[in-house]
Amino acid sequence: MRLNLFFILILGAPFFLFAQKKENYFDYLQKHSLGGIENKYVLTLSAYLTDCGEFGGHQEKLNIKRIDKKIMGFLTIFETTCSPQGYKNRDNIVSESSFEISEQKVQFIVQYLHKVLENSLKYEMVTHADNEYGVKLDWSEKTDYNFKRIDISFRSFGNKWEEFEKLKIALKK
């Protein structure tokens, strides 16, 4: 009987320890500002900048993912197209970079999300020469689901909205 009890304790202890760690990580995600970015979801911050007025511009995307409990940023900058013929080259990538986002820098993302939401609620006249800024929290891989947890955007006419550029600089430091 003692031998059976001994084997149950030896074999069962790792299971209970593993289950406890899993529960603590889940609790951590529940309290974390970016806890929704986990496993199946990626947060995409995007900017379409009209470098050429109504004749085109370029797009920049900052994908934020959680990989092995670390928050990572993946910045992709696409080619600038300034003519109707250039629209087919919109998906050409000019540069890609990745960087870890420390816990101290998460606040910059949260502040940016607040600013995008605030600006999306303001009335703006839509024209052809708008810069567009967006935020999506969506599936990390292609699925048949048409479900997004967050999908907001706004357009800024005239001067470029500097907050996207400020966020990129703050996160890369």
C-alpha atoms as a PDB file:
ATOM      1  CA  MET A   1       0.000   0.000   0.000  1.00  0.00           C
ATOM      2  CA  ARG A   2       2.823   2.381   0.850  1.00  0.00           C
ATOM      3  CA  LEU A   3       4.487   1.627  -2.451  1.00  0.00           C
ATOM      4  CA  ASN A   4       1.304   2.470  -4.394  1.00  0.00           C
ATOM      5  CA  LEU A   5       0.880   5.704  -2.495  1.00  0.00           C
ATOM      6  CA  PHE A   6       4.516   6.567  -3.139  1.00  0.00           C
ATOM      7  CA  PHE A   7       4.095   6.022  -6.929  1.00  0.00           C
ATOM      8  CA  ILE A   8       0.906   8.094  -7.005  1.00  0.00           C
ATOM      9  CA  LEU A   9       2.680  10.976  -5.299  1.00  0.00           C
ATOM     10  CA  ILE A  10       5.752  10.719  -7.536  1.00  0.00           C
ATOM     11  CA  LEU A  11       3.748  10.493 -10.770  1.00  0.00           C
ATOM     12  CA  GLY A  12       1.020  12.923  -9.721  1.00  0.00           C
ATOM     13  CA  ALA A  13       3.208  15.741  -8.403  1.00  0.00           C
ATOM     14  CA  PRO A  14       4.476  16.923 -11.830  1.00  0.00           C
ATOM     15  CA  PHE A  15       0.919  16.946 -13.152  1.00  0.00           C
ATOM     16  CA  PHE A  16      -0.297  19.168 -10.324  1.00  0.00           C
ATOM     17  CA  LEU A  17       2.703  21.478 -10.641  1.00  0.00           C
ATOM     18  CA  PHE A  18       2.174  21.824 -14.403  1.00  0.00           C
ATOM     19  CA  ALA A  19      -1.546  22.468 -13.940  1.00  0.00           C
ATOM     20  CA  GLN A  20      -0.754  25.142 -11.345  1.00  0.00           C
ATOM     21  CA  LYS A  21       1.645  26.961 -13.703  1.00  0.00           C
ATOM     22  CA  LYS A  22      -0.943  26.903 -16.492  1.00  0.00           C
ATOM     23  CA  GLU A  23      -3.553  28.408 -14.196  1.00  0.00           C
ATOM     24  CA  ASN A  24      -1.159  31.157 -13.056  1.00  0.00           C
ATOM     25  CA  TYR A  25      -0.349  32.081 -16.673  1.00  0.00           C
ATOM     26  CA  PHE A  26      -4.066  32.210 -17.468  1.00  0.00           C
ATOM     27  CA  ASP A  27      -4.618  34.497 -14.473  1.00  0.00           C
ATOM     28  CA  TYR A  28      -1.711  36.636 -15.681  1.00  0.00           C
ATOM     29  CA  LEU A  29      -3.331  37.014 -19.115  1.00  0.00           C
ATOM     30  CA  GLN A  30      -6.673  37.895 -17.537  1.00  0.00           C
ATOM     31  CA  LYS A  31      -5.064  40.847 -15.734  1.00  0.00           C
ATOM     32  CA  HIS A  32      -2.657  41.929 -18.489  1.00  0.00           C
ATOM     33  CA  SER A  33      -3.511  44.955 -20.627  1.00  0.00           C
ATOM     34  CA  LEU A  34      -2.750  42.950 -23.771  1.00  0.00           C
ATOM     35  CA  GLY A  35      -3.930  39.593 -22.451  1.00  0.00           C
ATOM     36  CA  GLY A  36      -6.159  39.106 -25.509  1.00  0.00           C
ATOM     37  CA  ILE A  37      -3.041  38.756 -27.642  1.00  0.00           C
ATOM     38  CA  GLU A  38      -2.476  35.100 -26.946  1.00  0.00           C
ATOM     39  CA  ASN A  39      -1.956  32.066 -29.109  1.00  0.00           C
ATOM     40  CA  LYS A  40      -4.821  32.540 -31.597  1.00  0.00           C
ATOM     41  CA  TYR A  41      -4.968  36.337 -31.836  1.00  0.00           C
ATOM     42  CA  VAL A  42      -2.680  38.993 -33.303  1.00  0.00           C
ATOM     43  CA  LEU A  43      -3.096  42.741 -32.806  1.00  0.00           C
ATOM     44  CA  THR A  44      -2.502  44.636 -36.051  1.00  0.00           C
ATOM     45  CA  LEU A  45      -1.868  48.375 -35.980  1.00  0.00           C
ATOM     46  CA  SER A  46      -1.895  49.769 -39.495  1.00  0.00           C
ATOM     47  CA  ALA A  47      -1.336  53.065 -41.242  1.00  0.00           C
ATOM     48  CA  TYR A  48      -1.981  53.914 -44.876  1.00  0.00           C
ATOM     49  CA  LEU A  49      -0.083  57.117 -45.613  1.00  0.00           C
ATOM     50  CA  THR A  50      -1.004  59.119 -48.697  1.00  0.00           C
ATOM     51  CA  ASP A  51       2.503  60.172 -49.695  1.00  0.00           C
ATOM     52  CA  CYS A  52       1.256  61.117 -53.164  1.00  0.00           C
ATOM     53  CA  GLY A  53      -2.023  62.774 -52.257  1.00  0.00           C
ATOM     54  CA  GLU A  54      -5.016  61.183 -53.955  1.00  0.00           C
ATOM     55  CA  PHE A  55      -2.665  59.315 -56.307  1.00  0.00           C
ATOM     56  CA  GLY A  56      -1.396  56.810 -53.754  1.00  0.00           C
ATOM     57  CA  GLY A  57       1.013  56.190 -50.937  1.00  0.00           C
ATOM     58  CA  HIS A  58       2.182  53.288 -48.822  1.00  0.00           C
ATOM     59  CA  GLN A  59       1.036  51.074 -45.998  1.00  0.00           C
ATOM     60  CA  GLU A  60       2.771  50.168 -42.737  1.00  0.00           C
ATOM     61  CA  LYS A  61       1.670  47.334 -40.452  1.00  0.00           C
ATOM     62  CA  LEU A  62       2.757  46.574 -36.931  1.00  0.00           C
ATOM     63  CA  ASN A  63       1.673  43.061 -35.934  1.00  0.00           C
ATOM     64  CA  ILE A  64       1.881  42.366 -32.220  1.00  0.00           C
ATOM     65  CA  LYS A  65       1.973  38.696 -31.221  1.00  0.00           C
ATOM     66  CA  ARG A  66       2.715  36.696 -28.119  1.00  0.00           C
ATOM     67  CA  ILE A  67       5.418  34.087 -28.711  1.00  0.00           C
ATOM     68  CA  ASP A  68       6.577  31.914 -25.818  1.00  0.00           C
ATOM     69  CA  LYS A  69       5.052  34.342 -23.288  1.00  0.00           C
ATOM     70  CA  LYS A  70       6.941  37.295 -24.844  1.00  0.00           C
ATOM     71  CA  ILE A  71       5.181  40.095 -26.697  1.00  0.00           C
ATOM     72  CA  MET A  72       6.803  40.639 -30.089  1.00  0.00           C
ATOM     73  CA  GLY A  73       6.342  43.385 -32.664  1.00  0.00           C
ATOM     74  CA  PHE A  74       6.697  42.755 -36.407  1.00  0.00           C
ATOM     75  CA  LEU A  75       6.865  45.932 -38.504  1.00  0.00           C
ATOM     76  CA  THR A  76       6.278  45.677 -42.261  1.00  0.00           C
ATOM     77  CA  ILE A  77       6.573  48.677 -44.583  1.00  0.00           C
ATOM     78  CA  PHE A  78       5.167  48.320 -48.086  1.00  0.00           C
ATOM     79  CA  GLU A  79       6.236  49.997 -51.316  1.00  0.00           C
ATOM     80  CA  THR A  80       5.000  53.495 -52.120  1.00  0.00           C
ATOM     81  CA  THR A  81       2.846  53.580 -55.246  1.00  0.00           C
ATOM     82  CA  CYS A  82       2.048  56.959 -56.774  1.00  0.00           C
ATOM     83  CA  SER A  83       0.126  56.214 -59.942  1.00  0.00           C
ATOM     84  CA  PRO A  84      -2.947  54.228 -60.913  1.00  0.00           C
ATOM     85  CA  GLN A  85      -0.627  51.705 -62.626  1.00  0.00           C
ATOM     86  CA  GLY A  86       1.317  51.258 -59.397  1.00  0.00           C
ATOM     87  CA  TYR A  87      -1.653  49.989 -57.405  1.00  0.00           C
ATOM     88  CA  LYS A  88      -0.879  46.415 -58.427  1.00  0.00           C
ATOM     89  CA  ASN A  89       2.548  46.730 -56.671  1.00  0.00           C
ATOM     90  CA  ARG A  90       0.997  47.735 -53.338  1.00  0.00           C
ATOM     91  CA  ASP A  91       1.913  44.449 -51.662  1.00  0.00           C
ATOM     92  CA  ASN A  92       5.648  44.697 -52.384  1.00  0.00           C
ATOM     93  CA  ILE A  93       7.518  44.793 -49.075  1.00  0.00           C
ATOM     94  CA  VAL A  94      10.230  47.443 -48.655  1.00  0.00           C
ATOM     95  CA  SER A  95      11.366  46.466 -45.152  1.00  0.00           C
ATOM     96  CA  GLU A  96      10.560  44.109 -42.304  1.00  0.00           C
ATOM     97  CA  SER A  97      11.822  44.163 -38.745  1.00  0.00           C
ATOM     98  CA  SER A  98      10.960  42.490 -35.470  1.00  0.00           C
ATOM     99  CA  PHE A  99      11.587  43.389 -31.844  1.00  0.00           C
ATOM    100  CA  GLU A 100      10.552  42.340 -28.365  1.00  0.00           C
ATOM    101  CA  ILE A 101       8.113  44.598 -26.535  1.00  0.00           C
ATOM    102  CA  SER A 102       8.974  44.783 -22.851  1.00  0.00           C
ATOM    103  CA  GLU A 103       6.330  45.078 -20.146  1.00  0.00           C
ATOM    104  CA  GLN A 104       7.332  48.725 -19.660  1.00  0.00           C
ATOM    105  CA  LYS A 105       6.507  49.489 -23.313  1.00  0.00           C
ATOM    106  CA  VAL A 106       3.035  47.908 -23.252  1.00  0.00           C
ATOM    107  CA  GLN A 107       1.689  51.210 -21.920  1.00  0.00           C
ATOM    108  CA  PHE A 108       2.602  52.909 -25.236  1.00  0.00           C
ATOM    109  CA  ILE A 109       0.414  50.437 -27.130  1.00  0.00           C
ATOM    110  CA  VAL A 110      -2.488  50.903 -24.715  1.00  0.00           C
ATOM    111  CA  GLN A 111      -2.226  54.711 -25.007  1.00  0.00           C
ATOM    112  CA  TYR A 112      -2.147  54.405 -28.800  1.00  0.00           C
ATOM    113  CA  LEU A 113      -5.295  52.233 -28.747  1.00  0.00           C
ATOM    114  CA  HIS A 114      -7.077  54.891 -26.678  1.00  0.00           C
ATOM    115  CA  LYS A 115      -6.058  57.605 -29.157  1.00  0.00           C
ATOM    116  CA  VAL A 116      -7.232  55.592 -32.180  1.00  0.00           C
ATOM    117  CA  LEU A 117     -10.575  54.881 -30.514  1.00  0.00           C
ATOM    118  CA  GLU A 118     -11.014  58.521 -29.555  1.00  0.00           C
ATOM    119  CA  ASN A 119     -10.224  59.711 -33.086  1.00  0.00           C
ATOM    120  CA  SER A 120     -12.457  57.084 -34.682  1.00  0.00           C
ATOM    121  CA  LEU A 121     -15.432  58.525 -32.797  1.00  0.00           C
ATOM    122  CA  LYS A 122     -14.890  62.025 -34.187  1.00  0.00           C
ATOM    123  CA  TYR A 123     -16.670  63.090 -37.346  1.00  0.00           C
ATOM    124  CA  GLU A 124     -14.340  63.353 -40.324  1.00  0.00           C
ATOM    125  CA  MET A 125     -15.096  64.236 -43.922  1.00  0.00           C
ATOM    126  CA  VAL A 126     -13.890  61.409 -46.165  1.00  0.00           C
ATOM    127  CA  THR A 127     -11.824  62.419 -49.199  1.00  0.00           C
ATOM    128  CA  HIS A 128      -9.505  60.653 -51.639  1.00  0.00           C
ATOM    129  CA  ALA A 129      -6.342  61.969 -49.983  1.00  0.00           C
ATOM    130  CA  ASP A 130      -6.823  60.643 -46.468  1.00  0.00           C
ATOM    131  CA  ASN A 131      -4.312  58.912 -44.257  1.00  0.00           C
ATOM    132  CA  GLU A 132      -5.975  55.933 -42.577  1.00  0.00           C
ATOM    133  CA  TYR A 133      -5.067  54.369 -39.231  1.00  0.00           C
ATOM    134  CA  GLY A 134      -6.533  51.127 -37.961  1.00  0.00           C
ATOM    135  CA  VAL A 135      -6.463  48.579 -35.156  1.00  0.00           C
ATOM    136  CA  LYS A 136      -7.581  44.953 -35.465  1.00  0.00           C
ATOM    137  CA  LEU A 137      -7.434  42.113 -33.002  1.00  0.00           C
ATOM    138  CA  ASP A 138      -8.027  39.129 -35.235  1.00  0.00           C
ATOM    139  CA  TRP A 139      -7.158  35.466 -35.731  1.00  0.00           C
ATOM    140  CA  SER A 140      -3.440  34.882 -36.138  1.00  0.00           C
ATOM    141  CA  GLU A 141      -3.976  32.480 -39.036  1.00  0.00           C
ATOM    142  CA  LYS A 142      -6.398  32.286 -41.940  1.00  0.00           C
ATOM    143  CA  THR A 143      -9.766  30.885 -40.887  1.00  0.00           C
ATOM    144  CA  ASP A 144     -13.284  30.749 -42.236  1.00  0.00           C
ATOM    145  CA  TYR A 145     -14.509  32.695 -39.221  1.00  0.00           C
ATOM    146  CA  ASN A 146     -15.667  36.236 -39.812  1.00  0.00           C
ATOM    147  CA  PHE A 147     -15.072  37.371 -36.248  1.00  0.00           C
ATOM    148  CA  LYS A 148     -12.827  40.157 -35.023  1.00  0.00           C
ATOM    149  CA  ARG A 149     -12.531  41.140 -31.397  1.00  0.00           C
ATOM    150  CA  ILE A 150     -11.485  44.689 -32.313  1.00  0.00           C
ATOM    151  CA  ASP A 151     -11.789  46.445 -35.680  1.00  0.00           C
ATOM    152  CA  ILE A 152     -11.585  50.253 -35.548  1.00  0.00           C
ATOM    153  CA  SER A 153     -10.114  52.836 -37.879  1.00  0.00           C
ATOM    154  CA  PHE A 154     -10.215  56.493 -38.709  1.00  0.00           C
ATOM    155  CA  ARG A 155      -9.057  58.798 -41.470  1.00  0.00           C
ATOM    156  CA  SER A 156      -7.065  61.963 -41.016  1.00  0.00           C
ATOM    157  CA  PHE A 157      -7.198  64.599 -43.699  1.00  0.00           C
ATOM    158  CA  GLY A 158      -4.286  66.910 -44.291  1.00  0.00           C
ATOM    159  CA  ASN A 159      -1.254  66.560 -42.042  1.00  0.00           C
ATOM    160  CA  LYS A 160      -0.040  63.129 -41.079  1.00  0.00           C
ATOM    161  CA  TRP A 161      -1.167  61.947 -37.633  1.00  0.00           C
ATOM    162  CA  GLU A 162       2.126  61.592 -35.775  1.00  0.00           C
ATOM    163  CA  GLU A 163       1.017  59.058 -33.140  1.00  0.00           C
ATOM    164  CA  PHE A 164       1.767  55.989 -35.284  1.00  0.00           C
ATOM    165  CA  GLU A 165       5.322  57.204 -35.909  1.00  0.00           C
ATOM    166  CA  LYS A 166       5.800  58.026 -32.209  1.00  0.00           C
ATOM    167  CA  LEU A 167       4.607  54.531 -31.257  1.00  0.00           C
ATOM    168  CA  LYS A 168       7.074  52.850 -33.649  1.00  0.00           C
ATOM    169  CA  ILE A 169       9.961  54.862 -32.217  1.00  0.00           C
ATOM    170  CA  ALA A 170       8.957  54.190 -28.589  1.00  0.00           C
ATOM    171  CA  LEU A 171       8.648  50.441 -29.152  1.00  0.00           C
ATOM    172  CA  LYS A 172      11.935  50.067 -31.038  1.00  0.00           C
ATOM    173  CA  LYS A 173      14.042  51.857 -28.366  1.00  0.00           C
END
